[in-house]
Amino acid sequence: MAEQGKKKVVRVESTAPAGDGGGTAVAESTAPTWTPTPEAKKQAMTFRLIAGGLWLLAIAGEVFTIFWVLRQVPVNMVLLIILIVVIGALAIGGSLLWKRANRLDPASKEDKVRFFVQNQLGAIIAVIAFLPLIILIFTNKDLDGKQKALAGIIAIVIGGGALALGIDYAPPSVEQYTEESNVIVQLTGEDIVYWTKSGSVFHVCSEVPDVNKESKDGQIYEGTVAAAHAAGKDRLVSYWQREAVNYCGYTQEQVDAVEAGSAPADEESVEAPEETPAAE
């Protein structure tokens, strides 16, 4: 590990062999499509299986509530409310894990239907888990007005929360990750980015102020774009151009060349500023 001011730079190694779909795109005449590392893909599958299990339990809870609890005379209100809360917790838990999986192994925008379903499945499950239940609560003949209002409002609030948390407002895509990888490789000549444990984005170099802010572990992590996404970082920082010019030693001309879609012509000029190499 190399010291960067008061913080240490820690190298995060990619688990995929070079040139074998290692979760990144490299600078070639035709830029390849980004693919996740095997480790990230495996972790995404694990998250999806757990999320699917939680959603299955949520739907099972809904079915039990509809076909047993709401058919009791009188309806057990305590049990009904507990089940509504449990269904909501299961739906939300599944959605959060599903979103994490999508950031490790995103869908492509080329298949619009799959892209929508994969990224908004948490919201779809929330609707399935709560809409029939809410309708049947308000139409149940064995509940009086106050009971319907109480159970119905609780179901609407929790169901609405599950729906809101299930929606992915900025869904990741293969195209996004490919563009990020190509930007980094074209600008710096290598697939290396920097991030912190608590941050949600990654950066062009280790000199930027955002990664040098005080943190609990006192470390800056260094690795490929794929490793950054595998670590839970959503995207390349939106103002990477300003970071590259102001803190990383690149010129505006180099940044403009990358944005235009071509690597700078002078190979020596695109080398990153000299840094103390991180220990293996």
Protein backbone atom coordinates (compact mmCIF):
# COMPACT_ATOMS: atom_id res chain seq x y z
CA MET A 1 0.00 0.00 0.00
CA ALA A 2 1.26 3.46 -0.85
CA GLU A 3 0.55 6.51 1.22
CA GLN A 4 -1.44 9.29 -0.42
CA GLY A 5 -1.18 12.19 2.01
CA LYS A 6 -2.79 10.89 5.18
CA LYS A 7 -4.56 8.12 3.31
CA LYS A 8 -3.32 4.87 1.82
CA VAL A 9 -3.93 3.65 -1.71
CA VAL A 10 -5.03 0.01 -1.71
CA ARG A 11 -4.96 -1.99 -4.94
CA VAL A 12 -8.07 -4.06 -5.61
CA GLU A 13 -7.16 -6.87 -7.99
CA SER A 14 -9.56 -8.09 -10.65
CA THR A 15 -10.32 -11.81 -10.45
CA ALA A 16 -10.68 -12.24 -14.21
CA PRO A 17 -7.69 -13.10 -16.41
CA ALA A 18 -6.57 -10.43 -18.84
CA GLY A 19 -8.20 -10.54 -22.23
CA ASP A 20 -10.89 -12.95 -21.07
CA GLY A 21 -13.93 -10.79 -20.45
CA GLY A 22 -12.37 -9.28 -17.37
CA GLY A 23 -15.15 -6.85 -16.67
CA THR A 24 -13.80 -3.95 -18.66
CA ALA A 25 -13.44 -2.50 -22.12
CA VAL A 26 -9.99 -1.77 -23.56
CA ALA A 27 -8.90 0.79 -26.11
CA GLU A 28 -9.05 -0.80 -29.54
CA SER A 29 -10.12 0.36 -32.98
CA THR A 30 -13.59 -0.88 -32.18
CA ALA A 31 -14.37 -0.57 -28.48
CA PRO A 32 -15.61 -3.85 -27.02
CA THR A 33 -18.68 -4.21 -24.87
CA TRP A 34 -18.17 -4.19 -21.12
CA THR A 35 -18.70 -7.50 -19.36
CA PRO A 36 -18.73 -8.22 -15.61
CA THR A 37 -15.99 -10.20 -13.93
CA PRO A 38 -16.85 -13.82 -13.09
CA GLU A 39 -16.77 -12.88 -9.41
CA ALA A 40 -19.20 -9.99 -9.94
CA LYS A 41 -21.50 -12.16 -12.04
CA LYS A 42 -21.52 -14.85 -9.35
CA GLN A 43 -22.25 -12.31 -6.63
CA ALA A 44 -25.03 -10.80 -8.73
CA MET A 45 -26.58 -14.24 -9.18
CA THR A 46 -26.44 -14.81 -5.42
CA PHE A 47 -28.16 -11.49 -4.74
CA ARG A 48 -30.83 -12.28 -7.33
CA LEU A 49 -31.53 -15.71 -5.86
CA ILE A 50 -31.90 -14.24 -2.37
CA ALA A 51 -34.07 -11.42 -3.71
CA GLY A 52 -36.23 -13.94 -5.55
CA GLY A 53 -36.63 -15.94 -2.35
CA LEU A 54 -37.68 -12.85 -0.39
CA TRP A 55 -40.17 -11.88 -3.09
CA LEU A 56 -41.57 -15.42 -3.15
CA LEU A 57 -42.12 -15.23 0.60
CA ALA A 58 -43.79 -11.83 0.18
CA ILE A 59 -46.21 -13.21 -2.42
CA ALA A 60 -46.84 -16.27 -0.24
CA GLY A 61 -47.64 -13.94 2.65
CA GLU A 62 -50.05 -12.02 0.44
CA VAL A 63 -51.79 -15.23 -0.66
CA PHE A 64 -52.08 -16.39 2.97
CA THR A 65 -53.50 -13.02 3.98
CA ILE A 66 -56.05 -12.97 1.16
CA PHE A 67 -57.24 -16.57 1.33
CA TRP A 68 -57.08 -17.17 5.08
CA VAL A 69 -56.78 -14.05 7.23
CA LEU A 70 -59.36 -11.98 5.34
CA ARG A 71 -61.79 -14.91 5.29
CA GLN A 72 -61.87 -15.27 9.06
CA VAL A 73 -64.90 -13.98 10.93
CA PRO A 74 -64.03 -11.76 12.65
CA VAL A 75 -60.82 -10.79 10.88
CA ASN A 76 -57.80 -10.83 13.20
CA MET A 77 -56.65 -7.22 12.82
CA VAL A 78 -53.39 -7.69 14.70
CA LEU A 79 -52.39 -10.59 12.47
CA LEU A 80 -53.49 -8.68 9.37
CA ILE A 81 -51.35 -5.64 10.21
CA ILE A 82 -48.35 -7.81 11.13
CA LEU A 83 -48.58 -9.62 7.81
CA ILE A 84 -48.81 -6.34 5.88
CA VAL A 85 -45.62 -5.14 7.58
CA VAL A 86 -43.83 -8.45 6.95
CA ILE A 87 -44.86 -8.50 3.28
CA GLY A 88 -43.54 -4.96 2.90
CA ALA A 89 -40.23 -5.79 4.58
CA LEU A 90 -39.73 -8.83 2.35
CA ALA A 91 -40.59 -6.88 -0.80
CA ILE A 92 -38.25 -4.01 0.09
CA GLY A 93 -35.42 -6.34 1.09
CA GLY A 94 -35.70 -8.16 -2.21
CA SER A 95 -35.71 -4.91 -4.17
CA LEU A 96 -32.57 -3.59 -2.49
CA LEU A 97 -30.68 -6.81 -3.21
CA TRP A 98 -31.96 -6.86 -6.79
CA LYS A 99 -30.67 -3.33 -7.35
CA ARG A 100 -27.25 -4.33 -6.02
CA ALA A 101 -27.21 -7.26 -8.43
CA ASN A 102 -28.06 -4.98 -11.35
CA ARG A 103 -25.07 -2.80 -10.57
CA LEU A 104 -22.79 -5.80 -10.64
CA ASP A 105 -24.32 -7.30 -13.79
CA PRO A 106 -26.44 -4.71 -15.64
CA ALA A 107 -28.75 -5.26 -18.59
CA SER A 108 -28.21 -3.83 -22.06
CA LYS A 109 -30.39 -1.06 -23.43
CA GLU A 110 -30.48 -2.89 -26.77
CA ASP A 111 -33.19 -5.17 -25.39
CA LYS A 112 -35.63 -2.53 -24.16
CA VAL A 113 -38.14 -4.96 -22.63
CA ARG A 114 -35.52 -6.87 -20.66
CA PHE A 115 -33.82 -3.64 -19.63
CA PHE A 116 -37.08 -2.27 -18.23
CA VAL A 117 -38.17 -5.47 -16.50
CA GLN A 118 -34.76 -6.22 -15.01
CA ASN A 119 -34.36 -2.73 -13.58
CA GLN A 120 -37.96 -2.18 -12.44
CA LEU A 121 -38.78 -5.70 -11.25
CA GLY A 122 -38.80 -4.56 -7.63
CA ALA A 123 -41.56 -2.06 -8.41
CA ILE A 124 -43.52 -4.70 -10.34
CA ILE A 125 -43.30 -7.12 -7.41
CA ALA A 126 -44.46 -4.39 -5.01
CA VAL A 127 -47.57 -3.81 -7.13
CA ILE A 128 -48.29 -7.56 -7.30
CA ALA A 129 -47.78 -7.95 -3.55
CA PHE A 130 -49.95 -5.03 -2.45
CA LEU A 131 -52.52 -3.96 -5.05
CA PRO A 132 -54.79 -7.06 -4.78
CA LEU A 133 -54.43 -7.00 -1.00
CA ILE A 134 -55.42 -3.33 -0.74
CA ILE A 135 -58.45 -3.86 -3.00
CA LEU A 136 -59.64 -6.87 -0.99
CA ILE A 137 -59.19 -5.05 2.33
CA PHE A 138 -61.48 -2.21 1.21
CA THR A 139 -64.05 -4.60 -0.28
CA ASN A 140 -64.08 -7.06 2.63
CA LYS A 141 -67.59 -7.37 4.09
CA ASP A 142 -66.36 -8.59 7.46
CA LEU A 143 -64.40 -5.42 8.22
CA ASP A 144 -66.14 -2.29 9.47
CA GLY A 145 -65.27 1.18 8.24
CA LYS A 146 -62.65 1.90 10.89
CA GLN A 147 -60.93 -1.44 10.36
CA LYS A 148 -60.86 -0.94 6.60
CA ALA A 149 -59.42 2.55 7.03
CA LEU A 150 -56.73 1.39 9.47
CA ALA A 151 -55.60 -1.70 7.56
CA GLY A 152 -56.04 -0.02 4.18
CA ILE A 153 -53.99 3.06 5.06
CA ILE A 154 -51.20 0.92 6.54
CA ALA A 155 -51.15 -1.24 3.40
CA ILE A 156 -51.13 1.81 1.13
CA VAL A 157 -48.27 3.48 3.04
CA ILE A 158 -46.12 0.34 3.21
CA GLY A 159 -47.00 -0.69 -0.33
CA GLY A 160 -46.21 2.80 -1.58
CA GLY A 161 -42.87 2.68 0.19
CA ALA A 162 -42.09 -0.72 -1.34
CA LEU A 163 -43.03 0.64 -4.77
CA ALA A 164 -40.87 3.76 -4.36
CA LEU A 165 -37.87 1.73 -3.19
CA GLY A 166 -38.43 -0.83 -5.93
CA ILE A 167 -38.17 1.74 -8.72
CA ASP A 168 -34.66 2.24 -10.08
CA TYR A 169 -34.55 5.93 -10.93
CA ALA A 170 -31.10 5.73 -12.56
CA PRO A 171 -30.82 2.18 -13.89
CA PRO A 172 -27.33 1.02 -14.88
CA SER A 173 -26.62 -0.42 -18.31
CA VAL A 174 -23.89 -2.27 -20.18
CA GLU A 175 -23.61 0.78 -22.43
CA GLN A 176 -22.93 3.06 -19.45
CA TYR A 177 -20.20 0.79 -18.12
CA THR A 178 -18.66 0.43 -21.58
CA GLU A 179 -18.51 4.20 -22.02
CA GLU A 180 -16.91 4.65 -18.61
CA SER A 181 -14.24 2.04 -19.32
CA ASN A 182 -13.41 3.59 -22.68
CA VAL A 183 -13.20 7.09 -21.18
CA ILE A 184 -10.71 5.94 -18.55
CA VAL A 185 -8.56 3.90 -20.94
CA GLN A 186 -8.48 6.62 -23.61
CA LEU A 187 -7.61 9.32 -21.09
CA THR A 188 -5.08 7.52 -18.89
CA GLY A 189 -3.88 4.66 -21.08
CA GLU A 190 -4.89 2.06 -18.50
CA ASP A 191 -8.03 0.78 -16.83
CA ILE A 192 -7.47 2.17 -13.34
CA VAL A 193 -9.87 4.26 -11.26
CA TYR A 194 -10.08 5.33 -7.61
CA TRP A 195 -12.79 5.29 -4.97
CA THR A 196 -13.47 5.21 -1.24
CA LYS A 197 -15.46 2.72 0.78
CA SER A 198 -18.19 5.19 1.66
CA GLY A 199 -18.47 6.90 -1.74
CA SER A 200 -20.95 5.94 -4.44
CA VAL A 201 -18.83 6.91 -7.47
CA PHE A 202 -15.27 6.41 -8.70
CA HIS A 203 -12.69 8.92 -9.91
CA VAL A 204 -9.94 9.47 -12.48
CA CYS A 205 -6.97 9.71 -10.10
CA SER A 206 -6.04 9.48 -6.42
CA GLU A 207 -5.29 13.22 -6.12
CA VAL A 208 -8.90 14.41 -6.33
CA PRO A 209 -10.26 16.01 -3.13
CA ASP A 210 -13.29 13.70 -2.94
CA VAL A 211 -11.23 10.58 -2.27
CA ASN A 212 -8.88 12.39 0.09
CA LYS A 213 -11.57 13.47 2.52
CA GLU A 214 -11.26 11.98 5.99
CA SER A 215 -12.78 8.51 6.24
CA LYS A 216 -12.97 5.81 8.90
CA ASP A 217 -10.61 3.39 7.16
CA GLY A 218 -8.26 6.11 5.87
CA GLN A 219 -7.89 4.36 2.51
CA ILE A 220 -8.29 5.06 -1.19
CA TYR A 221 -9.05 2.02 -3.33
CA GLU A 222 -7.47 1.54 -6.75
CA GLY A 223 -8.63 -0.91 -9.41
CA THR A 224 -10.35 -1.43 -12.72
CA VAL A 225 -13.76 -0.01 -13.62
CA ALA A 226 -15.10 -3.54 -13.16
CA ALA A 227 -13.58 -3.76 -9.68
CA ALA A 228 -15.13 -0.40 -8.78
CA HIS A 229 -18.58 -1.57 -9.82
CA ALA A 230 -18.04 -4.87 -8.01
CA ALA A 231 -17.26 -2.79 -4.90
CA GLY A 232 -20.68 -1.17 -5.21
CA LYS A 233 -19.75 2.09 -6.94
CA ASP A 234 -22.53 3.22 -9.25
CA ARG A 235 -20.67 5.18 -11.92
CA LEU A 236 -17.80 7.41 -12.95
CA VAL A 237 -18.09 10.79 -11.23
CA SER A 238 -20.14 13.16 -13.41
CA TYR A 239 -17.50 15.91 -13.34
CA TRP A 240 -14.56 13.70 -14.33
CA GLN A 241 -13.51 16.29 -16.93
CA ARG A 242 -12.92 18.91 -14.25
CA GLU A 243 -11.11 16.43 -12.03
CA ALA A 244 -8.85 15.33 -14.88
CA VAL A 245 -7.76 18.90 -15.65
CA ASN A 246 -7.62 20.39 -12.15
CA TYR A 247 -6.15 17.51 -10.15
CA CYS A 248 -4.91 14.69 -12.37
CA GLY A 249 -2.46 16.52 -14.65
CA TYR A 250 -4.35 16.23 -17.94
CA THR A 251 -5.01 19.09 -20.34
CA GLN A 252 -8.35 20.33 -21.59
CA GLU A 253 -7.26 19.24 -25.07
CA GLN A 254 -6.83 15.66 -23.88
CA VAL A 255 -10.23 15.70 -22.19
CA ASP A 256 -11.84 17.14 -25.33
CA ALA A 257 -10.23 14.40 -27.42
CA VAL A 258 -11.67 11.71 -25.16
CA GLU A 259 -15.13 13.29 -25.26
CA ALA A 260 -14.88 13.38 -29.05
CA GLY A 261 -14.38 9.63 -28.98
CA SER A 262 -10.71 9.43 -29.90
CA ALA A 263 -7.65 8.89 -27.78
CA PRO A 264 -5.10 11.75 -27.73
CA ALA A 265 -2.52 11.41 -30.48
CA ASP A 266 0.59 11.95 -28.34
CA GLU A 267 1.04 8.77 -26.32
CA GLU A 268 3.49 10.43 -23.93
CA SER A 269 1.02 13.19 -23.20
CA VAL A 270 -1.66 10.78 -22.02
CA GLU A 271 0.42 9.15 -19.35
CA ALA A 272 -0.96 9.65 -15.87
CA PRO A 273 1.02 11.78 -13.43
CA GLU A 274 3.73 9.85 -11.66
CA GLU A 275 2.50 8.29 -8.45
CA THR A 276 3.99 6.07 -5.84
CA PRO A 277 2.88 2.61 -6.97
CA ALA A 278 0.53 0.75 -4.69
CA ALA A 279 1.90 -2.42 -3.20
CA GLU A 280 0.54 -5.69 -4.56
